[in-house]
């Protein structure tokens, strides 16, 4: 027994020495990795301890650890609240709409831009489409409110020019999803297309030459060479998009909200923010909503990943 312990001790020392020998030549690289790792632990994983208040009735006097444990009461309250059902379907509707439109438009734009052979025209288009991405959310919503104003905005003036009565689309619930989605497409189109352009730039040029010799038109090359080349990238990005389906950022939605469009614009993130932080009275309920949101995202991503693995042989894991 002692001999085995001695052998095990020597084995562990040998492993440690080998590990140190591997680390020593590249110690500076390990330090560089250590910094983002610490940031990740402090700002991403450590706050997860606070998720336990979703199963408690949080009180400031008791704190996170001392608050009363109530089990699944907060989730029961969530499912029995009629407004939450409306909020859930609002989020799902806008998310599905945005993901599908973004996927189709971005791929189409990247493939068309890749066809352009005039490099100056191509770079000009890229620069113009990249610029909106760097506009802040507050400024973006301000621009939208000015453009779509039915009385003094560009939309209102065009309608008046043609003698048409301008509908106040900014306050109509049925138009909210369209404004949110298409303004997001416009703002992020150039930036989102970068990864597809990178994938297309890696395609072997001999494939195009062989296709040209065989008499294939540029459109056929687009269908049979370009599209299959970016398909794995498209699938991975689509799965990642589904993984954040229910996590629409609340900043833009909150800025676009008004009492008239609230029936269509209230989503999970804004609802959670209002019940937890804006009122400052129900932190446990707000945390339960956010936790439910994350679980739904995980389920959707796992399902789409497995489906993709069977259909396209491309997946995250």
C-alpha atoms as a PDB file:
ATOM      1  CA  UNK A   1       0.000   0.000   0.000  1.00  0.00           C
ATOM      2  CA  UNK A   2       2.831   2.369   0.924  1.00  0.00           C
ATOM      3  CA  UNK A   3       4.607   1.484  -2.318  1.00  0.00           C
ATOM      4  CA  UNK A   4       1.490   2.360  -4.326  1.00  0.00           C
ATOM      5  CA  UNK A   5       1.146   5.670  -2.519  1.00  0.00           C
ATOM      6  CA  UNK A   6       4.784   6.450  -3.189  1.00  0.00           C
ATOM      7  CA  UNK A   7       4.374   5.599  -6.889  1.00  0.00           C
ATOM      8  CA  UNK A   8       1.255   7.772  -7.098  1.00  0.00           C
ATOM      9  CA  UNK A   9       3.091  10.662  -5.402  1.00  0.00           C
ATOM     10  CA  UNK A  10       6.003  10.379  -7.842  1.00  0.00           C
ATOM     11  CA  UNK A  11       3.560  10.241 -10.767  1.00  0.00           C
ATOM     12  CA  UNK A  12       1.810  13.433  -9.615  1.00  0.00           C
ATOM     13  CA  UNK A  13       5.144  15.235  -9.159  1.00  0.00           C
ATOM     14  CA  UNK A  14       6.210  14.142 -12.633  1.00  0.00           C
ATOM     15  CA  UNK A  15       2.961  15.474 -14.130  1.00  0.00           C
ATOM     16  CA  UNK A  16       3.332  18.783 -12.332  1.00  0.00           C
ATOM     17  CA  UNK A  17       6.897  19.215 -13.520  1.00  0.00           C
ATOM     18  CA  UNK A  18       5.892  18.445 -17.133  1.00  0.00           C
ATOM     19  CA  UNK A  19       3.027  20.921 -16.890  1.00  0.00           C
ATOM     20  CA  UNK A  20       5.302  23.626 -15.507  1.00  0.00           C
ATOM     21  CA  UNK A  21       7.819  22.975 -18.271  1.00  0.00           C
ATOM     22  CA  UNK A  22       5.061  23.467 -20.889  1.00  0.00           C
ATOM     23  CA  UNK A  23       3.792  26.659 -19.233  1.00  0.00           C
ATOM     24  CA  UNK A  24       7.172  28.284 -18.528  1.00  0.00           C
ATOM     25  CA  UNK A  25       8.134  29.164 -22.162  1.00  0.00           C
ATOM     26  CA  UNK A  26       4.720  30.802 -22.768  1.00  0.00           C
ATOM     27  CA  UNK A  27       3.999  32.319 -19.352  1.00  0.00           C
ATOM     28  CA  UNK A  28       3.072  35.693 -20.901  1.00  0.00           C
ATOM     29  CA  UNK A  29       0.349  34.071 -23.025  1.00  0.00           C
ATOM     30  CA  UNK A  30      -1.133  32.352 -19.975  1.00  0.00           C
ATOM     31  CA  UNK A  31      -1.270  35.707 -18.174  1.00  0.00           C
ATOM     32  CA  UNK A  32      -3.124  37.166 -21.152  1.00  0.00           C
ATOM     33  CA  UNK A  33      -5.653  34.323 -20.908  1.00  0.00           C
ATOM     34  CA  UNK A  34      -5.912  34.768 -17.139  1.00  0.00           C
ATOM     35  CA  UNK A  35      -7.170  38.375 -17.346  1.00  0.00           C
ATOM     36  CA  UNK A  36     -10.327  37.688 -19.449  1.00  0.00           C
ATOM     37  CA  UNK A  37     -10.879  34.491 -17.448  1.00  0.00           C
ATOM     38  CA  UNK A  38     -10.997  36.484 -14.198  1.00  0.00           C
ATOM     39  CA  UNK A  39     -13.346  39.029 -15.779  1.00  0.00           C
ATOM     40  CA  UNK A  40     -15.596  36.190 -16.963  1.00  0.00           C
ATOM     41  CA  UNK A  41     -15.706  34.614 -13.509  1.00  0.00           C
ATOM     42  CA  UNK A  42     -16.366  37.920 -11.727  1.00  0.00           C
ATOM     43  CA  UNK A  43     -18.950  39.415 -14.092  1.00  0.00           C
ATOM     44  CA  UNK A  44     -20.589  36.327 -15.636  1.00  0.00           C
ATOM     45  CA  UNK A  45     -20.412  33.395 -13.211  1.00  0.00           C
ATOM     46  CA  UNK A  46     -20.250  35.013  -9.773  1.00  0.00           C
ATOM     47  CA  UNK A  47     -23.539  36.944 -10.300  1.00  0.00           C
ATOM     48  CA  UNK A  48     -25.258  33.606 -11.004  1.00  0.00           C
ATOM     49  CA  UNK A  49     -25.331  33.004  -7.247  1.00  0.00           C
ATOM     50  CA  UNK A  50     -28.020  35.687  -7.206  1.00  0.00           C
ATOM     51  CA  UNK A  51     -30.336  33.471  -9.260  1.00  0.00           C
ATOM     52  CA  UNK A  52     -31.359  31.735  -6.068  1.00  0.00           C
ATOM     53  CA  UNK A  53     -33.656  34.652  -5.217  1.00  0.00           C
ATOM     54  CA  UNK A  54     -35.955  33.374  -7.989  1.00  0.00           C
ATOM     55  CA  UNK A  55     -36.810  30.608  -5.507  1.00  0.00           C
ATOM     56  CA  UNK A  56     -37.093  32.951  -2.517  1.00  0.00           C
ATOM     57  CA  UNK A  57     -39.159  35.898  -1.332  1.00  0.00           C
ATOM     58  CA  UNK A  58     -36.374  38.427  -1.360  1.00  0.00           C
ATOM     59  CA  UNK A  59     -36.159  41.033   1.349  1.00  0.00           C
ATOM     60  CA  UNK A  60     -33.481  43.684   1.763  1.00  0.00           C
ATOM     61  CA  UNK A  61     -33.110  42.892   5.458  1.00  0.00           C
ATOM     62  CA  UNK A  62     -32.490  39.191   4.866  1.00  0.00           C
ATOM     63  CA  UNK A  63     -30.351  39.593   1.757  1.00  0.00           C
ATOM     64  CA  UNK A  64     -29.819  36.900  -0.841  1.00  0.00           C
ATOM     65  CA  UNK A  65     -28.875  34.167   1.630  1.00  0.00           C
ATOM     66  CA  UNK A  66     -31.260  35.076   4.433  1.00  0.00           C
ATOM     67  CA  UNK A  67     -34.499  35.581   2.476  1.00  0.00           C
ATOM     68  CA  UNK A  68     -37.368  33.124   2.901  1.00  0.00           C
ATOM     69  CA  UNK A  69     -37.306  30.081   0.624  1.00  0.00           C
ATOM     70  CA  UNK A  70     -40.587  29.713  -1.338  1.00  0.00           C
ATOM     71  CA  UNK A  71     -39.663  27.099  -3.943  1.00  0.00           C
ATOM     72  CA  UNK A  72     -41.499  27.513  -7.260  1.00  0.00           C
ATOM     73  CA  UNK A  73     -44.003  30.103  -6.018  1.00  0.00           C
ATOM     74  CA  UNK A  74     -42.525  32.865  -8.185  1.00  0.00           C
ATOM     75  CA  UNK A  75     -42.817  30.694 -11.303  1.00  0.00           C
ATOM     76  CA  UNK A  76     -46.383  29.764 -10.377  1.00  0.00           C
ATOM     77  CA  UNK A  77     -47.169  33.452 -10.051  1.00  0.00           C
ATOM     78  CA  UNK A  78     -45.576  34.078 -13.445  1.00  0.00           C
ATOM     79  CA  UNK A  79     -47.635  31.445 -15.281  1.00  0.00           C
ATOM     80  CA  UNK A  80     -50.846  32.550 -13.566  1.00  0.00           C
ATOM     81  CA  UNK A  81     -50.388  36.203 -14.539  1.00  0.00           C
ATOM     82  CA  UNK A  82     -52.437  36.913 -17.712  1.00  0.00           C
ATOM     83  CA  UNK A  83     -50.089  39.702 -18.773  1.00  0.00           C
ATOM     84  CA  UNK A  84     -47.104  37.351 -18.822  1.00  0.00           C
ATOM     85  CA  UNK A  85     -48.760  35.182 -21.505  1.00  0.00           C
ATOM     86  CA  UNK A  86     -49.187  38.264 -23.709  1.00  0.00           C
ATOM     87  CA  UNK A  87     -45.594  39.346 -23.010  1.00  0.00           C
ATOM     88  CA  UNK A  88     -44.257  35.881 -23.868  1.00  0.00           C
ATOM     89  CA  UNK A  89     -46.006  35.745 -27.242  1.00  0.00           C
ATOM     90  CA  UNK A  90     -45.011  39.330 -28.050  1.00  0.00           C
ATOM     91  CA  UNK A  91     -41.378  38.342 -27.485  1.00  0.00           C
ATOM     92  CA  UNK A  92     -41.699  35.147 -29.516  1.00  0.00           C
ATOM     93  CA  UNK A  93     -43.403  36.927 -32.413  1.00  0.00           C
ATOM     94  CA  UNK A  94     -40.826  39.712 -32.686  1.00  0.00           C
ATOM     95  CA  UNK A  95     -37.875  37.319 -32.212  1.00  0.00           C
ATOM     96  CA  UNK A  96     -38.959  34.807 -34.861  1.00  0.00           C
ATOM     97  CA  UNK A  97     -39.755  37.642 -37.268  1.00  0.00           C
ATOM     98  CA  UNK A  98     -36.354  39.262 -36.734  1.00  0.00           C
ATOM     99  CA  UNK A  99     -34.304  36.050 -36.891  1.00  0.00           C
ATOM    100  CA  UNK A 100     -35.892  34.865 -40.152  1.00  0.00           C
ATOM    101  CA  UNK A 101     -35.686  38.232 -41.893  1.00  0.00           C
ATOM    102  CA  UNK A 102     -32.122  38.847 -40.684  1.00  0.00           C
ATOM    103  CA  UNK A 103     -30.943  35.438 -41.888  1.00  0.00           C
ATOM    104  CA  UNK A 104     -32.422  35.785 -45.382  1.00  0.00           C
ATOM    105  CA  UNK A 105     -31.574  39.453 -46.007  1.00  0.00           C
ATOM    106  CA  UNK A 106     -28.010  39.227 -44.653  1.00  0.00           C
ATOM    107  CA  UNK A 107     -27.107  36.152 -46.718  1.00  0.00           C
ATOM    108  CA  UNK A 108     -28.697  37.656 -49.840  1.00  0.00           C
ATOM    109  CA  UNK A 109     -26.824  40.941 -49.339  1.00  0.00           C
ATOM    110  CA  UNK A 110     -23.471  39.220 -48.727  1.00  0.00           C
ATOM    111  CA  UNK A 111     -23.815  37.019 -51.806  1.00  0.00           C
ATOM    112  CA  UNK A 112     -24.742  39.972 -54.022  1.00  0.00           C
ATOM    113  CA  UNK A 113     -21.891  42.078 -52.636  1.00  0.00           C
ATOM    114  CA  UNK A 114     -19.468  39.233 -53.259  1.00  0.00           C
ATOM    115  CA  UNK A 115     -20.437  39.247 -56.953  1.00  0.00           C
ATOM    116  CA  UNK A 116     -19.375  42.879 -57.363  1.00  0.00           C
ATOM    117  CA  UNK A 117     -16.003  43.093 -59.075  1.00  0.00           C
ATOM    118  CA  UNK A 118     -15.470  46.864 -58.869  1.00  0.00           C
ATOM    119  CA  UNK A 119     -13.557  47.100 -55.596  1.00  0.00           C
ATOM    120  CA  UNK A 120     -14.214  50.837 -55.135  1.00  0.00           C
ATOM    121  CA  UNK A 121     -17.964  50.422 -55.518  1.00  0.00           C
ATOM    122  CA  UNK A 122     -17.868  47.378 -53.228  1.00  0.00           C
ATOM    123  CA  UNK A 123     -15.952  49.193 -50.483  1.00  0.00           C
ATOM    124  CA  UNK A 124     -18.269  52.207 -50.758  1.00  0.00           C
ATOM    125  CA  UNK A 125     -21.337  50.013 -50.288  1.00  0.00           C
ATOM    126  CA  UNK A 126     -19.687  48.254 -47.353  1.00  0.00           C
ATOM    127  CA  UNK A 127     -18.793  51.545 -45.668  1.00  0.00           C
ATOM    128  CA  UNK A 128     -22.314  52.950 -46.084  1.00  0.00           C
ATOM    129  CA  UNK A 129     -23.938  49.796 -44.706  1.00  0.00           C
ATOM    130  CA  UNK A 130     -21.483  49.571 -41.778  1.00  0.00           C
ATOM    131  CA  UNK A 131     -22.069  53.147 -40.593  1.00  0.00           C
ATOM    132  CA  UNK A 132     -25.537  52.677 -38.983  1.00  0.00           C
ATOM    133  CA  UNK A 133     -24.125  49.934 -36.737  1.00  0.00           C
ATOM    134  CA  UNK A 134     -22.103  52.532 -34.816  1.00  0.00           C
ATOM    135  CA  UNK A 135     -25.128  54.725 -34.077  1.00  0.00           C
ATOM    136  CA  UNK A 136     -26.210  54.422 -30.443  1.00  0.00           C
ATOM    137  CA  UNK A 137     -29.611  52.963 -29.625  1.00  0.00           C
ATOM    138  CA  UNK A 138     -30.887  56.257 -28.200  1.00  0.00           C
ATOM    139  CA  UNK A 139     -29.924  58.188 -31.333  1.00  0.00           C
ATOM    140  CA  UNK A 140     -31.334  55.446 -33.553  1.00  0.00           C
ATOM    141  CA  UNK A 141     -34.748  55.586 -31.867  1.00  0.00           C
ATOM    142  CA  UNK A 142     -34.633  59.386 -32.014  1.00  0.00           C
ATOM    143  CA  UNK A 143     -34.014  59.226 -35.779  1.00  0.00           C
ATOM    144  CA  UNK A 144     -36.875  56.763 -36.216  1.00  0.00           C
ATOM    145  CA  UNK A 145     -39.284  58.906 -34.212  1.00  0.00           C
ATOM    146  CA  UNK A 146     -38.404  61.931 -36.349  1.00  0.00           C
ATOM    147  CA  UNK A 147     -38.635  60.094 -39.664  1.00  0.00           C
ATOM    148  CA  UNK A 148     -41.909  58.330 -38.851  1.00  0.00           C
ATOM    149  CA  UNK A 149     -43.691  61.274 -37.246  1.00  0.00           C
ATOM    150  CA  UNK A 150     -47.087  61.557 -38.947  1.00  0.00           C
ATOM    151  CA  UNK A 151     -47.154  65.355 -38.755  1.00  0.00           C
ATOM    152  CA  UNK A 152     -43.645  66.793 -39.063  1.00  0.00           C
ATOM    153  CA  UNK A 153     -41.538  63.756 -40.046  1.00  0.00           C
ATOM    154  CA  UNK A 154     -40.396  62.621 -43.484  1.00  0.00           C
ATOM    155  CA  UNK A 155     -43.171  60.019 -43.586  1.00  0.00           C
ATOM    156  CA  UNK A 156     -45.843  62.619 -42.716  1.00  0.00           C
ATOM    157  CA  UNK A 157     -44.531  65.122 -45.273  1.00  0.00           C
ATOM    158  CA  UNK A 158     -44.509  62.527 -48.059  1.00  0.00           C
ATOM    159  CA  UNK A 159     -48.095  61.552 -47.253  1.00  0.00           C
ATOM    160  CA  UNK A 160     -49.139  65.230 -47.258  1.00  0.00           C
ATOM    161  CA  UNK A 161     -47.378  65.748 -50.579  1.00  0.00           C
ATOM    162  CA  UNK A 162     -49.563  63.094 -52.200  1.00  0.00           C
ATOM    163  CA  UNK A 163     -52.691  64.165 -50.358  1.00  0.00           C
ATOM    164  CA  UNK A 164     -52.806  61.025 -48.197  1.00  0.00           C
ATOM    165  CA  UNK A 165     -53.779  61.079 -44.553  1.00  0.00           C
ATOM    166  CA  UNK A 166     -50.757  59.902 -42.566  1.00  0.00           C
ATOM    167  CA  UNK A 167     -51.427  57.129 -40.061  1.00  0.00           C
ATOM    168  CA  UNK A 168     -49.635  57.509 -36.744  1.00  0.00           C
ATOM    169  CA  UNK A 169     -47.733  54.228 -37.137  1.00  0.00           C
ATOM    170  CA  UNK A 170     -45.485  55.040 -34.158  1.00  0.00           C
ATOM    171  CA  UNK A 171     -48.415  54.549 -31.772  1.00  0.00           C
ATOM    172  CA  UNK A 172     -50.217  51.700 -33.584  1.00  0.00           C
ATOM    173  CA  UNK A 173     -49.510  48.269 -31.988  1.00  0.00           C
ATOM    174  CA  UNK A 174     -49.779  46.429 -35.324  1.00  0.00           C
ATOM    175  CA  UNK A 175     -46.805  48.338 -36.748  1.00  0.00           C
ATOM    176  CA  UNK A 176     -44.443  47.992 -33.799  1.00  0.00           C
ATOM    177  CA  UNK A 177     -42.856  44.662 -34.821  1.00  0.00           C
ATOM    178  CA  UNK A 178     -42.254  45.895 -38.386  1.00  0.00           C
ATOM    179  CA  UNK A 179     -40.576  49.098 -37.208  1.00  0.00           C
ATOM    180  CA  UNK A 180     -38.403  47.229 -34.709  1.00  0.00           C
ATOM    181  CA  UNK A 181     -37.343  44.469 -37.123  1.00  0.00           C
ATOM    182  CA  UNK A 182     -36.644  46.497 -40.260  1.00  0.00           C
ATOM    183  CA  UNK A 183     -34.836  49.285 -38.417  1.00  0.00           C
ATOM    184  CA  UNK A 184     -32.678  46.562 -36.827  1.00  0.00           C
ATOM    185  CA  UNK A 185     -31.985  45.028 -40.240  1.00  0.00           C
ATOM    186  CA  UNK A 186     -30.952  48.423 -41.613  1.00  0.00           C
ATOM    187  CA  UNK A 187     -28.700  49.166 -38.650  1.00  0.00           C
ATOM    188  CA  UNK A 188     -26.943  45.767 -38.532  1.00  0.00           C
ATOM    189  CA  UNK A 189     -26.966  44.634 -42.180  1.00  0.00           C
ATOM    190  CA  UNK A 190     -23.401  45.605 -43.055  1.00  0.00           C
ATOM    191  CA  UNK A 191     -21.907  44.362 -39.793  1.00  0.00           C
ATOM    192  CA  UNK A 192     -23.761  41.026 -39.879  1.00  0.00           C
ATOM    193  CA  UNK A 193     -22.645  40.378 -43.456  1.00  0.00           C
ATOM    194  CA  UNK A 194     -18.922  40.548 -42.557  1.00  0.00           C
ATOM    195  CA  UNK A 195     -18.675  36.919 -41.476  1.00  0.00           C
ATOM    196  CA  UNK A 196     -20.444  35.704 -44.638  1.00  0.00           C
ATOM    197  CA  UNK A 197     -18.123  37.773 -46.826  1.00  0.00           C
ATOM    198  CA  UNK A 198     -15.178  36.244 -44.978  1.00  0.00           C
ATOM    199  CA  UNK A 199     -16.554  32.752 -45.671  1.00  0.00           C
ATOM    200  CA  UNK A 200     -17.076  33.586 -49.348  1.00  0.00           C
ATOM    201  CA  UNK A 201     -13.545  34.983 -49.675  1.00  0.00           C
ATOM    202  CA  UNK A 202     -12.147  31.598 -48.631  1.00  0.00           C
ATOM    203  CA  UNK A 203     -13.843  29.750 -51.526  1.00  0.00           C
ATOM    204  CA  UNK A 204     -11.337  28.196 -53.919  1.00  0.00           C
ATOM    205  CA  UNK A 205     -11.196  30.327 -57.091  1.00  0.00           C
ATOM    206  CA  UNK A 206     -10.605  27.207 -59.168  1.00  0.00           C
ATOM    207  CA  UNK A 207     -14.226  26.259 -58.542  1.00  0.00           C
ATOM    208  CA  UNK A 208     -15.377  29.428 -60.314  1.00  0.00           C
ATOM    209  CA  UNK A 209     -12.936  28.864 -63.157  1.00  0.00           C
ATOM    210  CA  UNK A 210     -14.099  25.282 -63.625  1.00  0.00           C
ATOM    211  CA  UNK A 211     -17.745  26.393 -63.538  1.00  0.00           C
ATOM    212  CA  UNK A 212     -17.057  29.103 -66.158  1.00  0.00           C
ATOM    213  CA  UNK A 213     -15.367  26.587 -68.439  1.00  0.00           C
ATOM    214  CA  UNK A 214     -18.429  24.342 -68.112  1.00  0.00           C
ATOM    215  CA  UNK A 215     -20.604  27.277 -69.181  1.00  0.00           C
ATOM    216  CA  UNK A 216     -22.214  28.039 -65.816  1.00  0.00           C
ATOM    217  CA  UNK A 217     -23.602  31.562 -65.540  1.00  0.00           C
ATOM    218  CA  UNK A 218     -22.787  33.771 -62.556  1.00  0.00           C
ATOM    219  CA  UNK A 219     -26.240  33.087 -61.172  1.00  0.00           C
ATOM    220  CA  UNK A 220     -25.649  29.326 -61.313  1.00  0.00           C
ATOM    221  CA  UNK A 221     -22.276  29.801 -59.634  1.00  0.00           C
ATOM    222  CA  UNK A 222     -24.073  31.767 -56.946  1.00  0.00           C
ATOM    223  CA  UNK A 223     -26.495  28.895 -56.345  1.00  0.00           C
ATOM    224  CA  UNK A 224     -24.112  25.944 -56.665  1.00  0.00           C
ATOM    225  CA  UNK A 225     -20.837  27.366 -55.280  1.00  0.00           C
ATOM    226  CA  UNK A 226     -21.446  30.426 -53.105  1.00  0.00           C
ATOM    227  CA  UNK A 227     -24.527  29.248 -51.239  1.00  0.00           C
ATOM    228  CA  UNK A 228     -23.170  25.763 -50.322  1.00  0.00           C
ATOM    229  CA  UNK A 229     -19.891  27.388 -49.222  1.00  0.00           C
ATOM    230  CA  UNK A 230     -21.539  29.627 -46.636  1.00  0.00           C
ATOM    231  CA  UNK A 231     -24.157  27.090 -45.542  1.00  0.00           C
ATOM    232  CA  UNK A 232     -22.149  25.765 -42.521  1.00  0.00           C
ATOM    233  CA  UNK A 233     -21.533  29.346 -41.362  1.00  0.00           C
ATOM    234  CA  UNK A 234     -25.196  30.172 -41.862  1.00  0.00           C
ATOM    235  CA  UNK A 235     -26.300  27.172 -39.788  1.00  0.00           C
ATOM    236  CA  UNK A 236     -23.969  28.001 -36.879  1.00  0.00           C
ATOM    237  CA  UNK A 237     -25.047  31.650 -36.800  1.00  0.00           C
ATOM    238  CA  UNK A 238     -28.705  30.642 -37.059  1.00  0.00           C
ATOM    239  CA  UNK A 239     -28.363  28.280 -34.082  1.00  0.00           C
ATOM    240  CA  UNK A 240     -26.692  31.033 -32.054  1.00  0.00           C
ATOM    241  CA  UNK A 241     -29.505  33.421 -32.992  1.00  0.00           C
ATOM    242  CA  UNK A 242     -32.099  30.922 -31.824  1.00  0.00           C
ATOM    243  CA  UNK A 243     -30.127  30.557 -28.592  1.00  0.00           C
ATOM    244  CA  UNK A 244     -30.855  34.208 -27.806  1.00  0.00           C
ATOM    245  CA  UNK A 245     -34.334  34.212 -29.317  1.00  0.00           C
ATOM    246  CA  UNK A 246     -36.177  35.291 -26.182  1.00  0.00           C
ATOM    247  CA  UNK A 247     -33.508  37.765 -25.085  1.00  0.00           C
ATOM    248  CA  UNK A 248     -34.375  40.806 -27.140  1.00  0.00           C
ATOM    249  CA  UNK A 249     -32.475  43.783 -25.796  1.00  0.00           C
ATOM    250  CA  UNK A 250     -34.770  45.933 -23.727  1.00  0.00           C
ATOM    251  CA  UNK A 251     -33.099  49.297 -24.449  1.00  0.00           C
ATOM    252  CA  UNK A 252     -34.487  49.832 -27.951  1.00  0.00           C
ATOM    253  CA  UNK A 253     -37.900  48.382 -27.120  1.00  0.00           C
ATOM    254  CA  UNK A 254     -38.170  50.481 -23.964  1.00  0.00           C
ATOM    255  CA  UNK A 255     -37.326  53.655 -25.891  1.00  0.00           C
ATOM    256  CA  UNK A 256     -39.881  52.819 -28.603  1.00  0.00           C
ATOM    257  CA  UNK A 257     -42.666  52.077 -26.128  1.00  0.00           C
ATOM    258  CA  UNK A 258     -45.573  54.402 -25.448  1.00  0.00           C
ATOM    259  CA  UNK A 259     -48.947  53.835 -23.760  1.00  0.00           C
ATOM    260  CA  UNK A 260     -50.653  53.302 -27.134  1.00  0.00           C
ATOM    261  CA  UNK A 261     -48.421  50.510 -28.480  1.00  0.00           C
ATOM    262  CA  UNK A 262     -47.766  48.788 -25.139  1.00  0.00           C
ATOM    263  CA  UNK A 263     -49.982  45.797 -26.000  1.00  0.00           C
ATOM    264  CA  UNK A 264     -47.494  44.809 -28.736  1.00  0.00           C
ATOM    265  CA  UNK A 265     -44.257  46.280 -27.428  1.00  0.00           C
ATOM    266  CA  UNK A 266     -44.105  44.780 -23.944  1.00  0.00           C
ATOM    267  CA  UNK A 267     -41.589  41.910 -24.072  1.00  0.00           C
ATOM    268  CA  UNK A 268     -40.001  39.687 -21.428  1.00  0.00           C
ATOM    269  CA  UNK A 269     -36.917  41.855 -20.892  1.00  0.00           C
ATOM    270  CA  UNK A 270     -38.880  45.098 -20.459  1.00  0.00           C
ATOM    271  CA  UNK A 271     -41.480  43.373 -18.281  1.00  0.00           C
ATOM    272  CA  UNK A 272     -38.760  41.898 -16.065  1.00  0.00           C
ATOM    273  CA  UNK A 273     -37.025  45.273 -15.821  1.00  0.00           C
ATOM    274  CA  UNK A 274     -40.223  47.027 -14.806  1.00  0.00           C
ATOM    275  CA  UNK A 275     -41.364  44.543 -12.149  1.00  0.00           C
ATOM    276  CA  UNK A 276     -37.887  44.132 -10.628  1.00  0.00           C
ATOM    277  CA  UNK A 277     -35.992  47.385 -11.012  1.00  0.00           C
ATOM    278  CA  UNK A 278     -38.391  50.136 -11.976  1.00  0.00           C
ATOM    279  CA  UNK A 279     -40.866  49.397  -9.177  1.00  0.00           C
ATOM    280  CA  UNK A 280     -38.093  48.150  -6.872  1.00  0.00           C
ATOM    281  CA  UNK A 281     -40.500  45.876  -4.996  1.00  0.00           C
ATOM    282  CA  UNK A 282     -40.374  42.427  -6.548  1.00  0.00           C
ATOM    283  CA  UNK A 283     -36.805  41.377  -7.280  1.00  0.00           C
ATOM    284  CA  UNK A 284     -37.612  37.672  -6.890  1.00  0.00           C
ATOM    285  CA  UNK A 285     -40.389  37.758  -9.483  1.00  0.00           C
ATOM    286  CA  UNK A 286     -38.208  39.664 -11.958  1.00  0.00           C
ATOM    287  CA  UNK A 287     -35.368  37.176 -11.473  1.00  0.00           C
ATOM    288  CA  UNK A 288     -37.748  34.250 -12.012  1.00  0.00           C
ATOM    289  CA  UNK A 289     -38.878  35.783 -15.321  1.00  0.00           C
ATOM    290  CA  UNK A 290     -35.275  36.248 -16.477  1.00  0.00           C
ATOM    291  CA  UNK A 291     -34.352  32.700 -15.436  1.00  0.00           C
ATOM    292  CA  UNK A 292     -37.327  31.306 -17.327  1.00  0.00           C
ATOM    293  CA  UNK A 293     -36.231  33.331 -20.353  1.00  0.00           C
ATOM    294  CA  UNK A 294     -32.729  31.798 -20.221  1.00  0.00           C
ATOM    295  CA  UNK A 295     -34.061  28.249 -19.859  1.00  0.00           C
ATOM    296  CA  UNK A 296     -36.343  28.697 -22.878  1.00  0.00           C
ATOM    297  CA  UNK A 297     -33.381  29.981 -24.913  1.00  0.00           C
ATOM    298  CA  UNK A 298     -31.335  26.914 -23.932  1.00  0.00           C
ATOM    299  CA  UNK A 299     -34.161  24.542 -24.885  1.00  0.00           C
ATOM    300  CA  UNK A 300     -34.651  26.227 -28.262  1.00  0.00           C
ATOM    301  CA  UNK A 301     -30.931  26.186 -29.026  1.00  0.00           C
ATOM    302  CA  UNK A 302     -30.554  22.500 -28.070  1.00  0.00           C
ATOM    303  CA  UNK A 303     -33.561  21.555 -30.210  1.00  0.00           C
ATOM    304  CA  UNK A 304     -32.391  23.494 -33.287  1.00  0.00           C
ATOM    305  CA  UNK A 305     -28.843  22.187 -32.839  1.00  0.00           C
ATOM    306  CA  UNK A 306     -30.016  18.562 -32.845  1.00  0.00           C
ATOM    307  CA  UNK A 307     -32.287  19.234 -35.822  1.00  0.00           C
ATOM    308  CA  UNK A 308     -29.423  20.853 -37.712  1.00  0.00           C
ATOM    309  CA  UNK A 309     -27.122  17.932 -36.930  1.00  0.00           C
ATOM    310  CA  UNK A 310     -29.578  15.497 -38.524  1.00  0.00           C
ATOM    311  CA  UNK A 311     -30.467  17.642 -41.539  1.00  0.00           C
ATOM    312  CA  UNK A 312     -27.246  19.484 -42.466  1.00  0.00           C
ATOM    313  CA  UNK A 313     -24.477  17.693 -40.464  1.00  0.00           C
ATOM    314  CA  UNK A 314     -23.485  21.106 -39.050  1.00  0.00           C
ATOM    315  CA  UNK A 315     -23.958  21.866 -35.368  1.00  0.00           C
ATOM    316  CA  UNK A 316     -22.431  23.547 -32.339  1.00  0.00           C
ATOM    317  CA  UNK A 317     -21.795  20.238 -30.595  1.00  0.00           C
END
